[in-house]
């Protein structure tokens, strides 16, 4: 696969909004075959599986989402985000999970827009 396609998809992911502009999302992009096989091994890929086969290890690139809750807490302890008492807000929901989901949606939409197949897996 053309590396520029992978870079375009990664740039789209970087444009994902985040709660309070915390920007706690990161992507690990793996393209080297040996590293992709290692990720597939950790994931538990079964090449003999009649439905999924070896798709994790043989895809062109793996986009592994990472998020840091600590980055969100640090951001919400800054002067423009603290409450009237000078404290971090009580988080009604863990927005870091919402934001990393939106990041992965950008990755998947970018892949589809480039004419590629896309799946997600959890381990």
N, C-alpha and C. Protein backbone atom coordinates (compact mmCIF):
# COMPACT_ATOMS: atom_id res chain seq x y z
N UNK A 1 0.84 -1.18 0.00
CA UNK A 1 0.00 0.00 0.00
C UNK A 1 0.89 1.24 0.00
N UNK A 2 0.41 2.25 -0.68
CA UNK A 2 1.11 3.53 -0.74
C UNK A 2 1.14 4.16 0.66
N UNK A 3 2.34 4.47 1.13
CA UNK A 3 2.50 5.03 2.48
C UNK A 3 1.72 6.35 2.64
N UNK A 4 1.57 7.10 1.58
CA UNK A 4 0.87 8.39 1.69
C UNK A 4 -0.59 8.19 2.09
N UNK A 5 -1.19 7.06 1.69
CA UNK A 5 -2.59 6.77 2.08
C UNK A 5 -2.65 6.58 3.60
N UNK A 6 -1.71 5.83 4.15
CA UNK A 6 -1.68 5.60 5.60
C UNK A 6 -1.45 6.92 6.33
N UNK A 7 -0.56 7.75 5.81
CA UNK A 7 -0.29 9.05 6.45
C UNK A 7 -1.51 9.96 6.38
N UNK A 8 -2.25 9.92 5.27
CA UNK A 8 -3.46 10.72 5.16
C UNK A 8 -4.49 10.29 6.20
N UNK A 9 -4.66 9.00 6.36
CA UNK A 9 -5.60 8.49 7.35
C UNK A 9 -5.17 8.91 8.76
N UNK A 10 -3.89 8.82 9.05
CA UNK A 10 -3.38 9.22 10.37
C UNK A 10 -3.60 10.72 10.60
N UNK A 11 -3.42 11.54 9.56
CA UNK A 11 -3.66 12.98 9.71
C UNK A 11 -5.14 13.28 9.99
N UNK A 12 -6.04 12.51 9.35
CA UNK A 12 -7.46 12.69 9.63
C UNK A 12 -7.75 12.39 11.11
N UNK A 13 -7.11 11.38 11.64
CA UNK A 13 -7.31 11.02 13.04
C UNK A 13 -6.83 12.14 13.96
N UNK A 14 -5.76 12.82 13.57
CA UNK A 14 -5.23 13.91 14.40
C UNK A 14 -6.21 15.08 14.48
N UNK A 15 -7.13 15.18 13.57
CA UNK A 15 -8.07 16.29 13.54
C UNK A 15 -9.33 16.04 14.37
N UNK A 16 -9.39 14.92 15.04
CA UNK A 16 -10.56 14.59 15.86
C UNK A 16 -10.64 15.54 17.05
N UNK A 17 -11.81 16.11 17.30
CA UNK A 17 -11.97 16.96 18.48
C UNK A 17 -11.81 16.14 19.77
N UNK A 18 -11.55 16.84 20.86
CA UNK A 18 -11.48 16.18 22.16
C UNK A 18 -12.08 17.09 23.22
N UNK A 19 -12.54 16.48 24.30
CA UNK A 19 -13.15 17.23 25.39
C UNK A 19 -12.19 18.29 25.91
N UNK A 20 -12.62 19.54 25.89
CA UNK A 20 -11.79 20.62 26.41
C UNK A 20 -10.49 20.81 25.67
N UNK A 21 -10.41 20.31 24.44
CA UNK A 21 -9.17 20.31 23.66
C UNK A 21 -8.03 19.68 24.47
N UNK A 22 -8.35 18.59 25.14
CA UNK A 22 -7.36 17.87 25.94
C UNK A 22 -6.33 17.17 25.07
N UNK A 23 -6.76 16.66 23.92
CA UNK A 23 -5.89 15.98 22.98
C UNK A 23 -5.12 14.83 23.62
N UNK A 24 -5.84 13.99 24.35
CA UNK A 24 -5.22 12.85 25.01
C UNK A 24 -5.18 11.59 24.16
N UNK A 25 -5.60 11.70 22.89
CA UNK A 25 -5.62 10.53 22.02
C UNK A 25 -4.29 10.42 21.27
N UNK A 26 -3.88 9.18 21.03
CA UNK A 26 -2.70 8.89 20.22
C UNK A 26 -3.00 7.66 19.38
N UNK A 27 -2.30 7.56 18.26
CA UNK A 27 -2.40 6.38 17.41
C UNK A 27 -1.03 5.78 17.22
N UNK A 28 -0.96 4.50 17.36
CA UNK A 28 0.23 3.75 17.02
C UNK A 28 -0.08 3.10 15.67
N UNK A 29 0.70 3.43 14.65
CA UNK A 29 0.46 2.89 13.31
C UNK A 29 1.56 1.87 13.01
N UNK A 30 1.12 0.64 12.77
CA UNK A 30 2.07 -0.45 12.55
C UNK A 30 1.93 -0.94 11.12
N UNK A 31 3.05 -0.90 10.39
CA UNK A 31 3.05 -1.35 9.00
C UNK A 31 4.04 -2.48 8.74
N UNK A 32 5.01 -2.64 9.61
CA UNK A 32 6.03 -3.68 9.40
C UNK A 32 5.41 -5.06 9.61
N UNK A 33 5.60 -5.99 8.67
CA UNK A 33 4.97 -7.32 8.77
C UNK A 33 5.26 -8.06 10.07
N UNK A 34 6.50 -8.02 10.53
CA UNK A 34 6.82 -8.76 11.77
C UNK A 34 6.07 -8.16 12.96
N UNK A 35 5.99 -6.85 13.03
CA UNK A 35 5.26 -6.19 14.13
C UNK A 35 3.76 -6.46 14.03
N UNK A 36 3.22 -6.46 12.80
CA UNK A 36 1.79 -6.78 12.64
C UNK A 36 1.49 -8.19 13.11
N UNK A 37 2.40 -9.13 12.80
CA UNK A 37 2.20 -10.52 13.26
C UNK A 37 2.26 -10.60 14.79
N UNK A 38 3.13 -9.81 15.41
CA UNK A 38 3.21 -9.82 16.87
C UNK A 38 1.93 -9.27 17.49
N UNK A 39 1.39 -8.19 16.94
CA UNK A 39 0.12 -7.65 17.43
C UNK A 39 -0.97 -8.70 17.27
N UNK A 40 -0.99 -9.38 16.13
CA UNK A 40 -1.99 -10.42 15.89
C UNK A 40 -1.85 -11.56 16.90
N UNK A 41 -0.62 -11.90 17.23
CA UNK A 41 -0.38 -12.96 18.23
C UNK A 41 -0.95 -12.53 19.58
N UNK A 42 -0.66 -11.29 19.98
CA UNK A 42 -1.15 -10.77 21.25
C UNK A 42 -2.68 -10.73 21.24
N UNK A 43 -3.26 -10.33 20.13
CA UNK A 43 -4.71 -10.27 19.97
C UNK A 43 -5.33 -11.67 20.05
N UNK A 44 -4.57 -12.68 19.67
CA UNK A 44 -5.10 -14.04 19.69
C UNK A 44 -5.64 -14.48 18.34
N UNK A 45 -5.12 -13.89 17.29
CA UNK A 45 -5.58 -14.24 15.95
C UNK A 45 -5.39 -15.73 15.69
N UNK A 46 -6.39 -16.32 15.06
CA UNK A 46 -6.33 -17.73 14.69
C UNK A 46 -6.43 -17.83 13.17
N UNK A 47 -5.31 -18.02 12.48
CA UNK A 47 -5.33 -18.09 11.02
C UNK A 47 -6.25 -19.19 10.48
N UNK A 48 -6.53 -20.21 11.29
CA UNK A 48 -7.40 -21.31 10.84
C UNK A 48 -8.89 -20.99 11.03
N UNK A 49 -9.21 -19.85 11.66
CA UNK A 49 -10.60 -19.48 11.87
C UNK A 49 -11.27 -19.32 10.50
N UNK A 50 -12.36 -20.06 10.25
CA UNK A 50 -12.99 -20.02 8.93
C UNK A 50 -13.68 -18.69 8.61
N UNK A 51 -13.97 -17.87 9.61
CA UNK A 51 -14.65 -16.60 9.37
C UNK A 51 -13.66 -15.45 9.22
N UNK A 52 -12.76 -15.33 10.18
CA UNK A 52 -11.86 -14.17 10.18
C UNK A 52 -10.48 -14.46 9.61
N UNK A 53 -9.98 -15.66 9.77
CA UNK A 53 -8.66 -16.01 9.24
C UNK A 53 -7.56 -15.15 9.83
N UNK A 54 -6.61 -14.79 8.98
CA UNK A 54 -5.42 -14.06 9.43
C UNK A 54 -5.49 -12.59 9.03
N UNK A 55 -6.62 -11.97 9.19
CA UNK A 55 -6.76 -10.58 8.71
C UNK A 55 -5.98 -9.57 9.55
N UNK A 56 -5.79 -9.81 10.83
CA UNK A 56 -5.06 -8.85 11.66
C UNK A 56 -3.59 -8.81 11.25
N UNK A 57 -3.00 -9.96 11.03
CA UNK A 57 -1.57 -10.01 10.70
C UNK A 57 -1.29 -9.65 9.25
N UNK A 58 -2.27 -9.74 8.37
CA UNK A 58 -2.01 -9.52 6.95
C UNK A 58 -2.53 -8.18 6.42
N UNK A 59 -3.16 -7.39 7.26
CA UNK A 59 -3.64 -6.09 6.79
C UNK A 59 -2.45 -5.19 6.45
N UNK A 60 -2.70 -4.14 5.69
CA UNK A 60 -1.62 -3.23 5.28
C UNK A 60 -1.10 -2.40 6.44
N UNK A 61 -1.99 -2.04 7.35
CA UNK A 61 -1.58 -1.21 8.49
C UNK A 61 -2.54 -1.44 9.64
N UNK A 62 -1.99 -1.39 10.83
CA UNK A 62 -2.80 -1.48 12.05
C UNK A 62 -2.75 -0.10 12.72
N UNK A 63 -3.90 0.44 13.02
CA UNK A 63 -4.00 1.70 13.74
C UNK A 63 -4.46 1.35 15.15
N UNK A 64 -3.56 1.46 16.10
CA UNK A 64 -3.87 1.08 17.47
C UNK A 64 -4.16 2.35 18.28
N UNK A 65 -5.41 2.49 18.75
CA UNK A 65 -5.77 3.69 19.49
C UNK A 65 -5.26 3.63 20.93
N UNK A 66 -4.77 4.76 21.38
CA UNK A 66 -4.31 4.89 22.77
C UNK A 66 -4.90 6.19 23.32
N UNK A 67 -5.22 6.17 24.59
CA UNK A 67 -5.76 7.37 25.22
C UNK A 67 -5.23 7.45 26.65
N UNK A 68 -5.01 8.68 27.10
CA UNK A 68 -4.51 8.91 28.45
C UNK A 68 -5.53 9.67 29.28
N UNK A 69 -6.12 8.99 30.23
CA UNK A 69 -7.04 9.66 31.15
C UNK A 69 -6.32 10.77 31.90
N UNK A 70 -5.06 10.54 32.24
CA UNK A 70 -4.28 11.53 33.00
C UNK A 70 -4.16 12.86 32.25
N UNK A 71 -4.04 12.82 30.93
CA UNK A 71 -3.96 14.05 30.15
C UNK A 71 -5.25 14.86 30.31
N UNK A 72 -6.39 14.19 30.32
CA UNK A 72 -7.66 14.88 30.49
C UNK A 72 -7.74 15.52 31.87
N UNK A 73 -7.32 14.80 32.90
CA UNK A 73 -7.36 15.36 34.25
C UNK A 73 -6.42 16.56 34.36
N UNK A 74 -5.24 16.47 33.78
CA UNK A 74 -4.31 17.63 33.82
C UNK A 74 -4.93 18.84 33.13
N UNK A 75 -5.55 18.62 31.97
CA UNK A 75 -6.16 19.72 31.24
C UNK A 75 -7.27 20.37 32.05
N UNK A 76 -8.07 19.57 32.74
CA UNK A 76 -9.19 20.11 33.50
C UNK A 76 -8.80 20.60 34.89
N UNK A 77 -7.50 20.66 35.14
CA UNK A 77 -7.00 21.31 36.35
C UNK A 77 -6.35 22.65 36.01
N UNK A 78 -6.39 23.02 34.74
CA UNK A 78 -5.85 24.31 34.30
C UNK A 78 -6.85 25.42 34.62
N UNK A 79 -6.37 26.66 34.76
CA UNK A 79 -7.22 27.77 35.22
C UNK A 79 -8.52 27.97 34.44
N UNK A 80 -8.53 27.73 33.13
CA UNK A 80 -9.75 27.97 32.35
C UNK A 80 -10.76 26.83 32.45
N UNK A 81 -10.42 25.76 33.18
CA UNK A 81 -11.32 24.61 33.26
C UNK A 81 -11.77 24.28 34.68
N UNK A 82 -11.16 24.84 35.69
CA UNK A 82 -11.54 24.49 37.06
C UNK A 82 -12.88 25.14 37.43
N UNK A 83 -13.53 24.56 38.43
CA UNK A 83 -14.83 25.11 38.85
C UNK A 83 -14.62 26.34 39.74
N UNK A 84 -15.71 26.89 40.24
CA UNK A 84 -15.66 28.12 41.04
C UNK A 84 -14.81 27.95 42.30
N UNK A 85 -14.72 26.73 42.80
CA UNK A 85 -13.94 26.46 44.02
C UNK A 85 -12.48 26.15 43.71
N UNK A 86 -12.11 26.21 42.43
CA UNK A 86 -10.72 25.95 42.06
C UNK A 86 -10.38 24.48 41.90
N UNK A 87 -11.41 23.67 41.72
CA UNK A 87 -11.20 22.22 41.59
C UNK A 87 -11.54 21.74 40.18
N UNK A 88 -11.02 20.58 39.87
CA UNK A 88 -11.37 19.92 38.62
C UNK A 88 -12.85 19.54 38.67
N UNK A 89 -13.53 19.62 37.54
CA UNK A 89 -14.94 19.25 37.48
C UNK A 89 -15.13 17.78 37.82
N UNK A 90 -16.33 17.44 38.24
CA UNK A 90 -16.70 16.03 38.35
C UNK A 90 -17.07 15.57 36.95
N UNK A 91 -16.43 14.52 36.49
CA UNK A 91 -16.68 14.03 35.14
C UNK A 91 -17.98 13.22 35.12
N UNK A 92 -19.00 13.69 34.37
CA UNK A 92 -20.26 12.95 34.30
C UNK A 92 -20.11 11.63 33.54
N UNK A 93 -19.22 11.63 32.57
CA UNK A 93 -18.87 10.40 31.83
C UNK A 93 -17.39 10.49 31.49
N UNK A 94 -16.72 9.38 31.24
CA UNK A 94 -15.29 9.42 30.90
C UNK A 94 -15.10 9.82 29.42
N UNK A 95 -15.03 11.11 29.15
CA UNK A 95 -14.98 11.60 27.78
C UNK A 95 -13.75 11.12 27.01
N UNK A 96 -12.73 10.66 27.71
CA UNK A 96 -11.56 10.13 27.00
C UNK A 96 -11.95 8.94 26.15
N UNK A 97 -12.92 8.13 26.60
CA UNK A 97 -13.38 6.99 25.80
C UNK A 97 -14.21 7.47 24.61
N UNK A 98 -15.00 8.49 24.81
CA UNK A 98 -15.77 9.07 23.70
C UNK A 98 -14.80 9.58 22.63
N UNK A 99 -13.79 10.29 23.07
CA UNK A 99 -12.85 10.91 22.13
C UNK A 99 -12.03 9.87 21.36
N UNK A 100 -11.59 8.82 22.01
CA UNK A 100 -10.80 7.81 21.28
C UNK A 100 -11.71 7.05 20.31
N UNK A 101 -12.99 6.90 20.67
CA UNK A 101 -13.93 6.30 19.72
C UNK A 101 -14.10 7.17 18.48
N UNK A 102 -14.18 8.49 18.69
CA UNK A 102 -14.28 9.41 17.55
C UNK A 102 -13.01 9.36 16.71
N UNK A 103 -11.87 9.22 17.35
CA UNK A 103 -10.61 9.10 16.62
C UNK A 103 -10.64 7.88 15.71
N UNK A 104 -11.09 6.75 16.26
CA UNK A 104 -11.16 5.53 15.46
C UNK A 104 -12.20 5.65 14.35
N UNK A 105 -13.27 6.38 14.59
CA UNK A 105 -14.24 6.60 13.53
C UNK A 105 -13.58 7.36 12.38
N UNK A 106 -12.77 8.38 12.69
CA UNK A 106 -12.06 9.10 11.63
C UNK A 106 -11.13 8.17 10.86
N UNK A 107 -10.46 7.27 11.57
CA UNK A 107 -9.58 6.30 10.89
C UNK A 107 -10.40 5.44 9.94
N UNK A 108 -11.51 4.90 10.43
CA UNK A 108 -12.32 4.01 9.60
C UNK A 108 -12.93 4.75 8.40
N UNK A 109 -13.42 5.97 8.62
CA UNK A 109 -13.97 6.74 7.52
C UNK A 109 -12.89 7.09 6.50
N UNK A 110 -11.69 7.41 6.99
CA UNK A 110 -10.57 7.70 6.08
C UNK A 110 -10.20 6.49 5.25
N UNK A 111 -10.21 5.32 5.86
CA UNK A 111 -9.89 4.09 5.13
C UNK A 111 -10.94 3.82 4.06
N UNK A 112 -12.21 3.94 4.42
CA UNK A 112 -13.29 3.69 3.45
C UNK A 112 -13.22 4.72 2.33
N UNK A 113 -12.95 5.99 2.69
CA UNK A 113 -12.86 7.04 1.68
C UNK A 113 -11.71 6.77 0.70
N UNK A 114 -10.66 6.10 1.17
CA UNK A 114 -9.52 5.76 0.32
C UNK A 114 -9.76 4.47 -0.48
N UNK A 115 -10.96 3.89 -0.31
CA UNK A 115 -11.29 2.68 -1.05
C UNK A 115 -10.76 1.41 -0.40
N UNK A 116 -10.45 1.49 0.87
CA UNK A 116 -9.89 0.35 1.59
C UNK A 116 -10.95 -0.34 2.45
N UNK A 117 -10.68 -1.56 2.79
CA UNK A 117 -11.50 -2.25 3.77
C UNK A 117 -11.02 -1.85 5.16
N UNK A 118 -11.88 -2.01 6.13
CA UNK A 118 -11.50 -1.64 7.48
C UNK A 118 -12.30 -2.48 8.46
N UNK A 119 -11.63 -2.94 9.50
CA UNK A 119 -12.27 -3.67 10.60
C UNK A 119 -11.67 -3.18 11.90
N UNK A 120 -12.35 -3.50 12.98
CA UNK A 120 -11.72 -3.24 14.27
C UNK A 120 -11.75 -4.52 15.09
N UNK A 121 -10.79 -4.60 15.98
CA UNK A 121 -10.66 -5.77 16.83
C UNK A 121 -10.32 -5.30 18.23
N UNK A 122 -10.72 -6.07 19.20
CA UNK A 122 -10.37 -5.78 20.58
C UNK A 122 -9.73 -6.99 21.20
N UNK A 123 -8.82 -6.75 22.06
CA UNK A 123 -8.12 -7.86 22.67
C UNK A 123 -8.12 -7.75 24.16
